[in-house]
């Protein structure tokens, strides 16, 4: 999913990545749904490894399109090493590379009680 040109705020859906090209479909489906629900949102997917674009490239795309505030949403169910260690380092690099952009790092999606409730509801559904 690429960025649109209607706002100065952007969202990066940041996922792990995989060699399997079908793996990225759910993340991209979320980006599409976000754009459908809010046509003004600039949303782009980024991946830690094995899939393009990486976080630096995604943020550069947003910045090149006039985004001045970026919220990074870690699409991790669990808070493992990537969320605890790798992502803070990547965020520090982003802030150094883009000093005029305001960055917000959201908690990992799997920590949100709304998602936990939704997954529980889905798992309990017949």
C-alpha atoms as a PDB file:
ATOM      1  CA  UNK A   1       0.000   0.000   0.000  1.00  0.00           C
ATOM      2  CA  UNK A   2       1.403   3.371  -0.867  1.00  0.00           C
ATOM      3  CA  UNK A   3       0.833   6.798   0.553  1.00  0.00           C
ATOM      4  CA  UNK A   4      -1.835   9.177  -0.754  1.00  0.00           C
ATOM      5  CA  UNK A   5      -1.489  12.979  -0.942  1.00  0.00           C
ATOM      6  CA  UNK A   6      -4.222  14.385   1.330  1.00  0.00           C
ATOM      7  CA  UNK A   7      -2.731  14.939   4.786  1.00  0.00           C
ATOM      8  CA  UNK A   8       0.493  15.624   6.633  1.00  0.00           C
ATOM      9  CA  UNK A   9      -0.033  12.667   9.015  1.00  0.00           C
ATOM     10  CA  UNK A  10       1.017   9.131   8.175  1.00  0.00           C
ATOM     11  CA  UNK A  11       0.756   5.639   9.603  1.00  0.00           C
ATOM     12  CA  UNK A  12       3.270   2.860   9.076  1.00  0.00           C
ATOM     13  CA  UNK A  13       2.021  -0.673   9.671  1.00  0.00           C
ATOM     14  CA  UNK A  14       5.279  -2.354  10.675  1.00  0.00           C
ATOM     15  CA  UNK A  15       5.358  -6.149  10.435  1.00  0.00           C
ATOM     16  CA  UNK A  16       8.026  -8.837  10.560  1.00  0.00           C
ATOM     17  CA  UNK A  17       8.155  -9.931   6.913  1.00  0.00           C
ATOM     18  CA  UNK A  18       8.477 -13.305   5.200  1.00  0.00           C
ATOM     19  CA  UNK A  19       9.897 -14.892   2.071  1.00  0.00           C
ATOM     20  CA  UNK A  20       6.361 -16.047   1.233  1.00  0.00           C
ATOM     21  CA  UNK A  21       4.680 -13.267  -0.787  1.00  0.00           C
ATOM     22  CA  UNK A  22       1.221 -14.337   0.442  1.00  0.00           C
ATOM     23  CA  UNK A  23       2.252 -13.622   4.040  1.00  0.00           C
ATOM     24  CA  UNK A  24       1.961  -9.867   3.579  1.00  0.00           C
ATOM     25  CA  UNK A  25      -1.665  -9.967   2.356  1.00  0.00           C
ATOM     26  CA  UNK A  26      -3.307  -9.512   5.793  1.00  0.00           C
ATOM     27  CA  UNK A  27      -1.109  -6.514   6.629  1.00  0.00           C
ATOM     28  CA  UNK A  28      -1.865  -4.914   3.275  1.00  0.00           C
ATOM     29  CA  UNK A  29      -5.573  -5.673   3.736  1.00  0.00           C
ATOM     30  CA  UNK A  30      -5.490  -3.683   6.978  1.00  0.00           C
ATOM     31  CA  UNK A  31      -3.854  -0.762   5.167  1.00  0.00           C
ATOM     32  CA  UNK A  32      -6.536  -0.900   2.478  1.00  0.00           C
ATOM     33  CA  UNK A  33      -9.308  -1.018   5.084  1.00  0.00           C
ATOM     34  CA  UNK A  34      -7.794   1.986   6.876  1.00  0.00           C
ATOM     35  CA  UNK A  35      -7.771   3.967   3.623  1.00  0.00           C
ATOM     36  CA  UNK A  36     -11.385   2.938   2.935  1.00  0.00           C
ATOM     37  CA  UNK A  37     -12.455   4.123   6.379  1.00  0.00           C
ATOM     38  CA  UNK A  38     -10.477   7.357   6.238  1.00  0.00           C
ATOM     39  CA  UNK A  39      -9.548   8.529   2.752  1.00  0.00           C
ATOM     40  CA  UNK A  40      -7.298  11.208   4.260  1.00  0.00           C
ATOM     41  CA  UNK A  41      -4.973   8.797   6.023  1.00  0.00           C
ATOM     42  CA  UNK A  42      -1.584   8.156   4.485  1.00  0.00           C
ATOM     43  CA  UNK A  43      -0.830   4.561   5.286  1.00  0.00           C
ATOM     44  CA  UNK A  44       2.067   2.416   4.178  1.00  0.00           C
ATOM     45  CA  UNK A  45       3.287  -1.039   5.134  1.00  0.00           C
ATOM     46  CA  UNK A  46       6.883  -1.711   6.161  1.00  0.00           C
ATOM     47  CA  UNK A  47       8.720  -4.847   7.153  1.00  0.00           C
ATOM     48  CA  UNK A  48      11.593  -5.726   9.443  1.00  0.00           C
ATOM     49  CA  UNK A  49      13.142  -8.301   7.139  1.00  0.00           C
ATOM     50  CA  UNK A  50      12.665 -10.465   4.052  1.00  0.00           C
ATOM     51  CA  UNK A  51      10.006  -8.152   2.545  1.00  0.00           C
ATOM     52  CA  UNK A  52      10.126  -4.689   1.015  1.00  0.00           C
ATOM     53  CA  UNK A  53       9.864  -1.872   1.873  1.00  0.00           C
ATOM     54  CA  UNK A  54      11.816  -1.642   5.092  1.00  0.00           C
ATOM     55  CA  UNK A  55      10.903   0.927   7.740  1.00  0.00           C
ATOM     56  CA  UNK A  56      13.451   3.525   6.571  1.00  0.00           C
ATOM     57  CA  UNK A  57      12.191   3.349   2.975  1.00  0.00           C
ATOM     58  CA  UNK A  58       8.530   3.558   4.003  1.00  0.00           C
ATOM     59  CA  UNK A  59       9.137   6.607   6.189  1.00  0.00           C
ATOM     60  CA  UNK A  60      11.204   8.233   3.445  1.00  0.00           C
ATOM     61  CA  UNK A  61       8.260   7.739   1.055  1.00  0.00           C
ATOM     62  CA  UNK A  62       5.927   9.433   3.526  1.00  0.00           C
ATOM     63  CA  UNK A  63       8.372  12.285   4.181  1.00  0.00           C
ATOM     64  CA  UNK A  64       8.895  12.795   0.443  1.00  0.00           C
ATOM     65  CA  UNK A  65       5.114  13.212   0.171  1.00  0.00           C
ATOM     66  CA  UNK A  66       4.907  15.931   2.820  1.00  0.00           C
ATOM     67  CA  UNK A  67       4.149  13.878   5.914  1.00  0.00           C
ATOM     68  CA  UNK A  68       5.380  15.610   9.062  1.00  0.00           C
ATOM     69  CA  UNK A  69       3.921  13.258  11.711  1.00  0.00           C
ATOM     70  CA  UNK A  70       4.291   9.473  11.555  1.00  0.00           C
ATOM     71  CA  UNK A  71       2.698   6.880  13.832  1.00  0.00           C
ATOM     72  CA  UNK A  72       4.410   3.490  13.676  1.00  0.00           C
ATOM     73  CA  UNK A  73       2.102   0.598  14.524  1.00  0.00           C
ATOM     74  CA  UNK A  74       3.980  -2.634  15.328  1.00  0.00           C
ATOM     75  CA  UNK A  75       1.889  -5.451  13.860  1.00  0.00           C
ATOM     76  CA  UNK A  76       3.219  -7.979  16.361  1.00  0.00           C
ATOM     77  CA  UNK A  77       0.939 -10.145  18.499  1.00  0.00           C
ATOM     78  CA  UNK A  78       3.674 -10.723  21.046  1.00  0.00           C
ATOM     79  CA  UNK A  79       6.292  -8.357  22.368  1.00  0.00           C
ATOM     80  CA  UNK A  80       9.427 -10.268  21.539  1.00  0.00           C
ATOM     81  CA  UNK A  81      12.962  -9.155  20.853  1.00  0.00           C
ATOM     82  CA  UNK A  82      12.010  -7.326  17.665  1.00  0.00           C
ATOM     83  CA  UNK A  83       9.495  -5.103  19.455  1.00  0.00           C
ATOM     84  CA  UNK A  84      11.597  -4.665  22.609  1.00  0.00           C
ATOM     85  CA  UNK A  85      15.052  -4.208  21.096  1.00  0.00           C
ATOM     86  CA  UNK A  86      15.122  -3.802  17.307  1.00  0.00           C
ATOM     87  CA  UNK A  87      12.247  -1.367  16.917  1.00  0.00           C
ATOM     88  CA  UNK A  88      13.476   1.227  19.455  1.00  0.00           C
ATOM     89  CA  UNK A  89      16.829   1.301  17.627  1.00  0.00           C
ATOM     90  CA  UNK A  90      15.079   1.730  14.276  1.00  0.00           C
ATOM     91  CA  UNK A  91      12.947   4.524  15.737  1.00  0.00           C
ATOM     92  CA  UNK A  92      16.065   6.322  17.006  1.00  0.00           C
ATOM     93  CA  UNK A  93      17.564   6.096  13.512  1.00  0.00           C
ATOM     94  CA  UNK A  94      14.355   7.495  11.998  1.00  0.00           C
ATOM     95  CA  UNK A  95      14.334  10.433  14.401  1.00  0.00           C
ATOM     96  CA  UNK A  96      17.970  11.218  13.597  1.00  0.00           C
ATOM     97  CA  UNK A  97      17.387  10.939   9.846  1.00  0.00           C
ATOM     98  CA  UNK A  98      14.143  12.953   9.873  1.00  0.00           C
ATOM     99  CA  UNK A  99      14.489  15.606  12.599  1.00  0.00           C
ATOM    100  CA  UNK A 100      11.520  17.621  11.297  1.00  0.00           C
ATOM    101  CA  UNK A 101       9.130  14.663  11.462  1.00  0.00           C
ATOM    102  CA  UNK A 102       7.252  13.913  14.684  1.00  0.00           C
ATOM    103  CA  UNK A 103       7.261  10.192  15.421  1.00  0.00           C
ATOM    104  CA  UNK A 104       4.923   8.224  17.656  1.00  0.00           C
ATOM    105  CA  UNK A 105       5.526   4.555  18.400  1.00  0.00           C
ATOM    106  CA  UNK A 106       2.313   2.778  19.254  1.00  0.00           C
ATOM    107  CA  UNK A 107       2.294  -0.326  21.450  1.00  0.00           C
ATOM    108  CA  UNK A 108       2.386  -3.677  19.668  1.00  0.00           C
ATOM    109  CA  UNK A 109      -1.043  -4.442  18.246  1.00  0.00           C
ATOM    110  CA  UNK A 110      -1.228  -7.663  20.271  1.00  0.00           C
ATOM    111  CA  UNK A 111      -1.140  -5.679  23.517  1.00  0.00           C
ATOM    112  CA  UNK A 112      -4.348  -3.801  22.708  1.00  0.00           C
ATOM    113  CA  UNK A 113      -7.253  -5.150  24.788  1.00  0.00           C
ATOM    114  CA  UNK A 114      -9.632  -4.517  21.879  1.00  0.00           C
ATOM    115  CA  UNK A 115      -7.699  -6.927  19.672  1.00  0.00           C
ATOM    116  CA  UNK A 116      -7.472  -9.491  22.447  1.00  0.00           C
ATOM    117  CA  UNK A 117     -11.273  -9.303  22.865  1.00  0.00           C
ATOM    118  CA  UNK A 118     -11.829  -9.563  19.113  1.00  0.00           C
ATOM    119  CA  UNK A 119      -9.571 -12.587  18.750  1.00  0.00           C
ATOM    120  CA  UNK A 120     -11.269 -14.247  21.723  1.00  0.00           C
ATOM    121  CA  UNK A 121     -14.667 -13.597  20.118  1.00  0.00           C
ATOM    122  CA  UNK A 122     -13.503 -15.054  16.803  1.00  0.00           C
ATOM    123  CA  UNK A 123     -12.007 -18.115  18.501  1.00  0.00           C
ATOM    124  CA  UNK A 124     -15.238 -18.712  20.452  1.00  0.00           C
ATOM    125  CA  UNK A 125     -17.446 -18.334  17.370  1.00  0.00           C
ATOM    126  CA  UNK A 126     -18.916 -21.543  15.947  1.00  0.00           C
END
